[in-house]
Amino acid sequence: MVIVPPEFLEKMIDKDTEVIGVHTVDPQGLAPVSWTLRVMTGGGVTYTAYEFEKLMIKLQALKGRYKFKTIVGAQGGGSLEG
């Protein structure tokens, strides 16, 4: 098992990678802190939702090259569909 920040994923994933686990607390940016900061800065997409979406796009691109499973979990994992 290796823990990797999102900016290093491309260097760590290869043909031998079987599973990618994503730990997320607030993937949709709906938690009180995310929502409050969103309102205070004028609205729009929350930073947490933006970064989660960016990570999922990166993983989707890598999944096109390598066949691995993605598991999303932790406190915010249950708020996602599909």
PDB file of N, CA and C in Angstrom:
ATOM      1  N   MET A   1       0.842  -1.175   0.000  1.00  0.00           N
ATOM      2  CA  MET A   1       0.000   0.000   0.000  1.00  0.00           C
ATOM      3  C   MET A   1       0.893   1.247   0.000  1.00  0.00           C
ATOM      4  N   VAL A   2       0.475   2.234  -0.784  1.00  0.00           N
ATOM      5  CA  VAL A   2       1.201   3.490  -0.879  1.00  0.00           C
ATOM      6  C   VAL A   2       0.194   4.623  -0.750  1.00  0.00           C
ATOM      7  N   ILE A   3       0.516   5.635   0.032  1.00  0.00           N
ATOM      8  CA  ILE A   3      -0.325   6.824   0.149  1.00  0.00           C
ATOM      9  C   ILE A   3       0.312   7.912  -0.694  1.00  0.00           C
ATOM     10  N   VAL A   4      -0.462   8.463  -1.631  1.00  0.00           N
ATOM     11  CA  VAL A   4       0.078   9.411  -2.602  1.00  0.00           C
ATOM     12  C   VAL A   4      -0.826  10.638  -2.690  1.00  0.00           C
ATOM     13  N   PRO A   5      -0.253  11.834  -2.631  1.00  0.00           N
ATOM     14  CA  PRO A   5      -1.077  13.026  -2.871  1.00  0.00           C
ATOM     15  C   PRO A   5      -1.481  13.084  -4.350  1.00  0.00           C
ATOM     16  N   PRO A   6      -2.610  13.719  -4.658  1.00  0.00           N
ATOM     17  CA  PRO A   6      -3.125  13.742  -6.035  1.00  0.00           C
ATOM     18  C   PRO A   6      -2.124  14.205  -7.093  1.00  0.00           C
ATOM     19  N   GLU A   7      -1.252  15.120  -6.744  1.00  0.00           N
ATOM     20  CA  GLU A   7      -0.319  15.640  -7.747  1.00  0.00           C
ATOM     21  C   GLU A   7       0.742  14.625  -8.189  1.00  0.00           C
ATOM     22  N   PHE A   8       0.870  13.497  -7.478  1.00  0.00           N
ATOM     23  CA  PHE A   8       1.857  12.478  -7.840  1.00  0.00           C
ATOM     24  C   PHE A   8       1.233  11.193  -8.390  1.00  0.00           C
ATOM     25  N   LEU A   9      -0.069  11.191  -8.622  1.00  0.00           N
ATOM     26  CA  LEU A   9      -0.740   9.969  -9.083  1.00  0.00           C
ATOM     27  C   LEU A   9      -0.147   9.423 -10.376  1.00  0.00           C
ATOM     28  N   GLU A  10       0.096  10.287 -11.345  1.00  0.00           N
ATOM     29  CA  GLU A  10       0.608   9.832 -12.640  1.00  0.00           C
ATOM     30  C   GLU A  10       1.936   9.088 -12.500  1.00  0.00           C
ATOM     31  N   LYS A  11       2.728   9.454 -11.504  1.00  0.00           N
ATOM     32  CA  LYS A  11       4.024   8.812 -11.313  1.00  0.00           C
ATOM     33  C   LYS A  11       3.912   7.464 -10.609  1.00  0.00           C
ATOM     34  N   MET A  12       2.811   7.244  -9.895  1.00  0.00           N
ATOM     35  CA  MET A  12       2.686   6.045  -9.079  1.00  0.00           C
ATOM     36  C   MET A  12       1.804   4.952  -9.692  1.00  0.00           C
ATOM     37  N   ILE A  13       0.852   5.327 -10.533  1.00  0.00           N
ATOM     38  CA  ILE A  13      -0.052   4.338 -11.117  1.00  0.00           C
ATOM     39  C   ILE A  13       0.582   3.724 -12.356  1.00  0.00           C
ATOM     40  N   ASP A  14       0.537   2.398 -12.431  1.00  0.00           N
ATOM     41  CA  ASP A  14       1.065   1.705 -13.604  1.00  0.00           C
ATOM     42  C   ASP A  14       0.232   0.456 -13.873  1.00  0.00           C
ATOM     43  N   LYS A  15       0.706  -0.399 -14.751  1.00  0.00           N
ATOM     44  CA  LYS A  15      -0.042  -1.593 -15.160  1.00  0.00           C
ATOM     45  C   LYS A  15      -0.277  -2.568 -14.007  1.00  0.00           C
ATOM     46  N   ASP A  16       0.491  -2.466 -12.947  1.00  0.00           N
ATOM     47  CA  ASP A  16       0.348  -3.365 -11.809  1.00  0.00           C
ATOM     48  C   ASP A  16      -0.631  -2.845 -10.753  1.00  0.00           C
ATOM     49  N   THR A  17      -1.124  -1.619 -10.912  1.00  0.00           N
ATOM     50  CA  THR A  17      -2.058  -1.039  -9.953  1.00  0.00           C
ATOM     51  C   THR A  17      -3.416  -1.727 -10.092  1.00  0.00           C
ATOM     52  N   GLU A  18      -3.942  -2.208  -8.981  1.00  0.00           N
ATOM     53  CA  GLU A  18      -5.228  -2.908  -9.009  1.00  0.00           C
ATOM     54  C   GLU A  18      -6.366  -2.074  -8.421  1.00  0.00           C
ATOM     55  N   VAL A  19      -6.073  -1.319  -7.348  1.00  0.00           N
ATOM     56  CA  VAL A  19      -7.118  -0.565  -6.654  1.00  0.00           C
ATOM     57  C   VAL A  19      -6.573   0.794  -6.235  1.00  0.00           C
ATOM     58  N   ILE A  20      -7.407   1.827  -6.424  1.00  0.00           N
ATOM     59  CA  ILE A  20      -7.109   3.165  -5.921  1.00  0.00           C
ATOM     60  C   ILE A  20      -8.185   3.487  -4.889  1.00  0.00           C
ATOM     61  N   GLY A  21      -7.790   3.808  -3.686  1.00  0.00           N
ATOM     62  CA  GLY A  21      -8.726   4.215  -2.639  1.00  0.00           C
ATOM     63  C   GLY A  21      -8.664   5.724  -2.474  1.00  0.00           C
ATOM     64  N   VAL A  22      -9.826   6.348  -2.443  1.00  0.00           N
ATOM     65  CA  VAL A  22      -9.906   7.801  -2.270  1.00  0.00           C
ATOM     66  C   VAL A  22     -10.612   8.080  -0.950  1.00  0.00           C
ATOM     67  N   HIS A  23      -9.942   8.801  -0.072  1.00  0.00           N
ATOM     68  CA  HIS A  23     -10.508   9.196   1.217  1.00  0.00           C
ATOM     69  C   HIS A  23     -11.060  10.612   1.068  1.00  0.00           C
ATOM     70  N   THR A  24     -12.328  10.790   1.387  1.00  0.00           N
ATOM     71  CA  THR A  24     -12.921  12.107   1.239  1.00  0.00           C
ATOM     72  C   THR A  24     -13.873  12.410   2.389  1.00  0.00           C
ATOM     73  N   VAL A  25     -13.831  13.619   2.874  1.00  0.00           N
ATOM     74  CA  VAL A  25     -14.713  14.034   3.955  1.00  0.00           C
ATOM     75  C   VAL A  25     -15.908  14.814   3.408  1.00  0.00           C
ATOM     76  N   ASP A  26     -15.686  15.630   2.395  1.00  0.00           N
ATOM     77  CA  ASP A  26     -16.753  16.500   1.884  1.00  0.00           C
ATOM     78  C   ASP A  26     -16.646  16.649   0.361  1.00  0.00           C
ATOM     79  N   PRO A  27     -16.883  15.573  -0.401  1.00  0.00           N
ATOM     80  CA  PRO A  27     -16.659  15.632  -1.847  1.00  0.00           C
ATOM     81  C   PRO A  27     -17.585  16.578  -2.601  1.00  0.00           C
ATOM     82  N   GLN A  28     -18.757  16.846  -2.064  1.00  0.00           N
ATOM     83  CA  GLN A  28     -19.701  17.726  -2.759  1.00  0.00           C
ATOM     84  C   GLN A  28     -19.682  19.155  -2.220  1.00  0.00           C
ATOM     85  N   GLY A  29     -18.855  19.402  -1.226  1.00  0.00           N
ATOM     86  CA  GLY A  29     -18.764  20.755  -0.670  1.00  0.00           C
ATOM     87  C   GLY A  29     -20.012  21.194   0.066  1.00  0.00           C
ATOM     88  N   LEU A  30     -20.673  20.273   0.748  1.00  0.00           N
ATOM     89  CA  LEU A  30     -21.932  20.577   1.420  1.00  0.00           C
ATOM     90  C   LEU A  30     -21.811  20.689   2.938  1.00  0.00           C
ATOM     91  N   ALA A  31     -20.647  20.412   3.475  1.00  0.00           N
ATOM     92  CA  ALA A  31     -20.459  20.511   4.925  1.00  0.00           C
ATOM     93  C   ALA A  31     -20.533  21.974   5.356  1.00  0.00           C
ATOM     94  N   PRO A  32     -20.876  22.215   6.623  1.00  0.00           N
ATOM     95  CA  PRO A  32     -21.038  23.606   7.090  1.00  0.00           C
ATOM     96  C   PRO A  32     -19.855  24.523   6.804  1.00  0.00           C
ATOM     97  N   VAL A  33     -18.642  24.048   7.007  1.00  0.00           N
ATOM     98  CA  VAL A  33     -17.479  24.908   6.761  1.00  0.00           C
ATOM     99  C   VAL A  33     -17.367  25.253   5.276  1.00  0.00           C
ATOM    100  N   SER A  34     -17.497  24.256   4.416  1.00  0.00           N
ATOM    101  CA  SER A  34     -17.412  24.504   2.968  1.00  0.00           C
ATOM    102  C   SER A  34     -18.508  25.466   2.528  1.00  0.00           C
ATOM    103  N   TRP A  35     -19.717  25.221   3.007  1.00  0.00           N
ATOM    104  CA  TRP A  35     -20.863  26.050   2.613  1.00  0.00           C
ATOM    105  C   TRP A  35     -20.685  27.489   3.102  1.00  0.00           C
ATOM    106  N   THR A  36     -20.236  27.659   4.329  1.00  0.00           N
ATOM    107  CA  THR A  36     -20.028  29.001   4.889  1.00  0.00           C
ATOM    108  C   THR A  36     -18.968  29.757   4.101  1.00  0.00           C
ATOM    109  N   LEU A  37     -17.845  29.102   3.813  1.00  0.00           N
ATOM    110  CA  LEU A  37     -16.789  29.767   3.034  1.00  0.00           C
ATOM    111  C   LEU A  37     -17.278  30.108   1.634  1.00  0.00           C
ATOM    112  N   ARG A  38     -18.094  29.260   1.052  1.00  0.00           N
ATOM    113  CA  ARG A  38     -18.671  29.526  -0.269  1.00  0.00           C
ATOM    114  C   ARG A  38     -19.520  30.783  -0.236  1.00  0.00           C
ATOM    115  N   VAL A  39     -20.371  30.900   0.763  1.00  0.00           N
ATOM    116  CA  VAL A  39     -21.248  32.068   0.889  1.00  0.00           C
ATOM    117  C   VAL A  39     -20.427  33.327   1.149  1.00  0.00           C
ATOM    118  N   MET A  40     -19.405  33.219   1.988  1.00  0.00           N
ATOM    119  CA  MET A  40     -18.574  34.384   2.333  1.00  0.00           C
ATOM    120  C   MET A  40     -17.762  34.891   1.144  1.00  0.00           C
ATOM    121  N   THR A  41     -17.464  34.016   0.188  1.00  0.00           N
ATOM    122  CA  THR A  41     -16.643  34.424  -0.952  1.00  0.00           C
ATOM    123  C   THR A  41     -17.468  34.700  -2.204  1.00  0.00           C
ATOM    124  N   GLY A  42     -18.778  34.788  -2.053  1.00  0.00           N
ATOM    125  CA  GLY A  42     -19.609  35.198  -3.180  1.00  0.00           C
ATOM    126  C   GLY A  42     -20.288  34.095  -3.950  1.00  0.00           C
ATOM    127  N   GLY A  43     -20.230  32.865  -3.473  1.00  0.00           N
ATOM    128  CA  GLY A  43     -20.944  31.768  -4.134  1.00  0.00           C
ATOM    129  C   GLY A  43     -20.075  30.994  -5.099  1.00  0.00           C
ATOM    130  N   GLY A  44     -20.737  30.207  -5.911  1.00  0.00           N
ATOM    131  CA  GLY A  44     -20.020  29.361  -6.862  1.00  0.00           C
ATOM    132  C   GLY A  44     -19.746  27.990  -6.282  1.00  0.00           C
ATOM    133  N   VAL A  45     -18.919  27.246  -6.948  1.00  0.00           N
ATOM    134  CA  VAL A  45     -18.562  25.894  -6.516  1.00  0.00           C
ATOM    135  C   VAL A  45     -17.608  25.992  -5.333  1.00  0.00           C
ATOM    136  N   THR A  46     -17.806  25.133  -4.338  1.00  0.00           N
ATOM    137  CA  THR A  46     -16.892  25.144  -3.198  1.00  0.00           C
ATOM    138  C   THR A  46     -15.542  24.571  -3.616  1.00  0.00           C
ATOM    139  N   TYR A  47     -14.517  24.946  -2.889  1.00  0.00           N
ATOM    140  CA  TYR A  47     -13.170  24.480  -3.187  1.00  0.00           C
ATOM    141  C   TYR A  47     -13.069  22.967  -3.040  1.00  0.00           C
ATOM    142  N   THR A  48     -13.713  22.412  -2.008  1.00  0.00           N
ATOM    143  CA  THR A  48     -13.642  20.969  -1.801  1.00  0.00           C
ATOM    144  C   THR A  48     -14.304  20.212  -2.947  1.00  0.00           C
ATOM    145  N   ALA A  49     -15.436  20.687  -3.420  1.00  0.00           N
ATOM    146  CA  ALA A  49     -16.109  20.036  -4.558  1.00  0.00           C
ATOM    147  C   ALA A  49     -15.259  20.162  -5.824  1.00  0.00           C
ATOM    148  N   TYR A  50     -14.663  21.327  -6.029  1.00  0.00           N
ATOM    149  CA  TYR A  50     -13.814  21.561  -7.197  1.00  0.00           C
ATOM    150  C   TYR A  50     -12.620  20.594  -7.204  1.00  0.00           C
ATOM    151  N   GLU A  51     -11.943  20.478  -6.075  1.00  0.00           N
ATOM    152  CA  GLU A  51     -10.766  19.609  -5.991  1.00  0.00           C
ATOM    153  C   GLU A  51     -11.135  18.140  -6.128  1.00  0.00           C
ATOM    154  N   PHE A  52     -12.271  17.730  -5.568  1.00  0.00           N
ATOM    155  CA  PHE A  52     -12.706  16.344  -5.707  1.00  0.00           C
ATOM    156  C   PHE A  52     -13.009  16.027  -7.165  1.00  0.00           C
ATOM    157  N   GLU A  53     -13.708  16.931  -7.835  1.00  0.00           N
ATOM    158  CA  GLU A  53     -14.034  16.736  -9.257  1.00  0.00           C
ATOM    159  C   GLU A  53     -12.757  16.656 -10.099  1.00  0.00           C
ATOM    160  N   LYS A  54     -11.803  17.513  -9.800  1.00  0.00           N
ATOM    161  CA  LYS A  54     -10.523  17.510 -10.507  1.00  0.00           C
ATOM    162  C   LYS A  54      -9.794  16.165 -10.322  1.00  0.00           C
ATOM    163  N   LEU A  55      -9.836  15.627  -9.117  1.00  0.00           N
ATOM    164  CA  LEU A  55      -9.217  14.333  -8.836  1.00  0.00           C
ATOM    165  C   LEU A  55      -9.919  13.215  -9.604  1.00  0.00           C
ATOM    166  N   MET A  56     -11.241  13.251  -9.631  1.00  0.00           N
ATOM    167  CA  MET A  56     -11.985  12.210 -10.338  1.00  0.00           C
ATOM    168  C   MET A  56     -11.719  12.258 -11.849  1.00  0.00           C
ATOM    169  N   ILE A  57     -11.574  13.436 -12.407  1.00  0.00           N
ATOM    170  CA  ILE A  57     -11.242  13.576 -13.830  1.00  0.00           C
ATOM    171  C   ILE A  57      -9.853  12.991 -14.108  1.00  0.00           C
ATOM    172  N   LYS A  58      -8.916  13.265 -13.208  1.00  0.00           N
ATOM    173  CA  LYS A  58      -7.560  12.724 -13.359  1.00  0.00           C
ATOM    174  C   LYS A  58      -7.573  11.197 -13.283  1.00  0.00           C
ATOM    175  N   LEU A  59      -8.318  10.654 -12.323  1.00  0.00           N
ATOM    176  CA  LEU A  59      -8.398   9.197 -12.197  1.00  0.00           C
ATOM    177  C   LEU A  59      -9.080   8.571 -13.407  1.00  0.00           C
ATOM    178  N   GLN A  60     -10.101   9.225 -13.941  1.00  0.00           N
ATOM    179  CA  GLN A  60     -10.790   8.696 -15.117  1.00  0.00           C
ATOM    180  C   GLN A  60      -9.837   8.610 -16.310  1.00  0.00           C
ATOM    181  N   ALA A  61      -9.009   9.631 -16.480  1.00  0.00           N
ATOM    182  CA  ALA A  61      -8.032   9.615 -17.569  1.00  0.00           C
ATOM    183  C   ALA A  61      -7.020   8.483 -17.380  1.00  0.00           C
ATOM    184  N   LEU A  62      -6.557   8.300 -16.154  1.00  0.00           N
ATOM    185  CA  LEU A  62      -5.610   7.221 -15.876  1.00  0.00           C
ATOM    186  C   LEU A  62      -6.260   5.855 -16.048  1.00  0.00           C
ATOM    187  N   LYS A  63      -7.531   5.763 -15.729  1.00  0.00           N
ATOM    188  CA  LYS A  63      -8.251   4.499 -15.871  1.00  0.00           C
ATOM    189  C   LYS A  63      -8.358   4.093 -17.342  1.00  0.00           C
ATOM    190  N   GLY A  64      -8.299   5.059 -18.238  1.00  0.00           N
ATOM    191  CA  GLY A  64      -8.300   4.745 -19.663  1.00  0.00           C
ATOM    192  C   GLY A  64      -7.029   4.035 -20.094  1.00  0.00           C
ATOM    193  N   ARG A  65      -5.937   4.293 -19.392  1.00  0.00           N
ATOM    194  CA  ARG A  65      -4.654   3.654 -19.722  1.00  0.00           C
ATOM    195  C   ARG A  65      -4.407   2.380 -18.920  1.00  0.00           C
ATOM    196  N   TYR A  66      -4.841   2.393 -17.658  1.00  0.00           N
ATOM    197  CA  TYR A  66      -4.604   1.265 -16.752  1.00  0.00           C
ATOM    198  C   TYR A  66      -5.946   0.777 -16.220  1.00  0.00           C
ATOM    199  N   LYS A  67      -6.055  -0.491 -16.016  1.00  0.00           N
ATOM    200  CA  LYS A  67      -7.312  -1.074 -15.538  1.00  0.00           C
ATOM    201  C   LYS A  67      -7.231  -1.273 -14.026  1.00  0.00           C
ATOM    202  N   PHE A  68      -7.770  -0.337 -13.272  1.00  0.00           N
ATOM    203  CA  PHE A  68      -7.818  -0.452 -11.815  1.00  0.00           C
ATOM    204  C   PHE A  68      -9.223  -0.094 -11.339  1.00  0.00           C
ATOM    205  N   LYS A  69      -9.539  -0.511 -10.137  1.00  0.00           N
ATOM    206  CA  LYS A  69     -10.815  -0.166  -9.526  1.00  0.00           C
ATOM    207  C   LYS A  69     -10.606   1.051  -8.638  1.00  0.00           C
ATOM    208  N   THR A  70     -11.637   1.886  -8.535  1.00  0.00           N
ATOM    209  CA  THR A  70     -11.593   3.058  -7.666  1.00  0.00           C
ATOM    210  C   THR A  70     -12.619   2.879  -6.568  1.00  0.00           C
ATOM    211  N   ILE A  71     -12.188   3.028  -5.324  1.00  0.00           N
ATOM    212  CA  ILE A  71     -13.078   2.941  -4.171  1.00  0.00           C
ATOM    213  C   ILE A  71     -13.031   4.284  -3.453  1.00  0.00           C
ATOM    214  N   VAL A  72     -14.197   4.893  -3.268  1.00  0.00           N
ATOM    215  CA  VAL A  72     -14.291   6.174  -2.560  1.00  0.00           C
ATOM    216  C   VAL A  72     -14.947   5.907  -1.215  1.00  0.00           C
ATOM    217  N   GLY A  73     -14.288   6.355  -0.154  1.00  0.00           N
ATOM    218  CA  GLY A  73     -14.820   6.102   1.176  1.00  0.00           C
ATOM    219  C   GLY A  73     -14.520   7.220   2.147  1.00  0.00           C
ATOM    220  N   ALA A  74     -14.714   6.936   3.410  1.00  0.00           N
ATOM    221  CA  ALA A  74     -14.572   7.836   4.545  1.00  0.00           C
ATOM    222  C   ALA A  74     -15.883   8.561   4.793  1.00  0.00           C
ATOM    223  N   GLN A  75     -15.871   9.616   5.570  1.00  0.00           N
ATOM    224  CA  GLN A  75     -17.082  10.289   5.998  1.00  0.00           C
ATOM    225  C   GLN A  75     -17.940  10.752   4.836  1.00  0.00           C
ATOM    226  N   GLY A  76     -17.353  11.268   3.765  1.00  0.00           N
ATOM    227  CA  GLY A  76     -18.119  11.815   2.652  1.00  0.00           C
ATOM    228  C   GLY A  76     -18.441  10.834   1.555  1.00  0.00           C
ATOM    229  N   GLY A  77     -17.888   9.644   1.611  1.00  0.00           N
ATOM    230  CA  GLY A  77     -18.100   8.665   0.557  1.00  0.00           C
ATOM    231  C   GLY A  77     -19.563   8.273   0.361  1.00  0.00           C
ATOM    232  N   GLY A  78     -20.312   8.258   1.434  1.00  0.00           N
ATOM    233  CA  GLY A  78     -21.712   7.872   1.356  1.00  0.00           C
ATOM    234  C   GLY A  78     -22.602   8.904   0.676  1.00  0.00           C
ATOM    235  N   SER A  79     -22.098  10.119   0.479  1.00  0.00           N
ATOM    236  CA  SER A  79     -22.918  11.164  -0.145  1.00  0.00           C
ATOM    237  C   SER A  79     -22.868  11.112  -1.661  1.00  0.00           C
ATOM    238  N   LEU A  80     -22.099  10.197  -2.213  1.00  0.00           N
ATOM    239  CA  LEU A  80     -21.966  10.094  -3.662  1.00  0.00           C
ATOM    240  C   LEU A  80     -22.849   8.984  -4.215  1.00  0.00           C
ATOM    241  N   GLU A  81     -23.344   9.188  -5.409  1.00  0.00           N
ATOM    242  CA  GLU A  81     -24.134   8.156  -6.085  1.00  0.00           C
ATOM    243  C   GLU A  81     -23.287   7.462  -7.134  1.00  0.00           C
ATOM    244  N   GLY A  82     -23.644   6.228  -7.448  1.00  0.00           N
ATOM    245  CA  GLY A  82     -22.987   5.517  -8.552  1.00  0.00           C
ATOM    246  C   GLY A  82     -21.707   5.003  -8.146  1.00  0.00           C
TER     247      GLY A  82
END
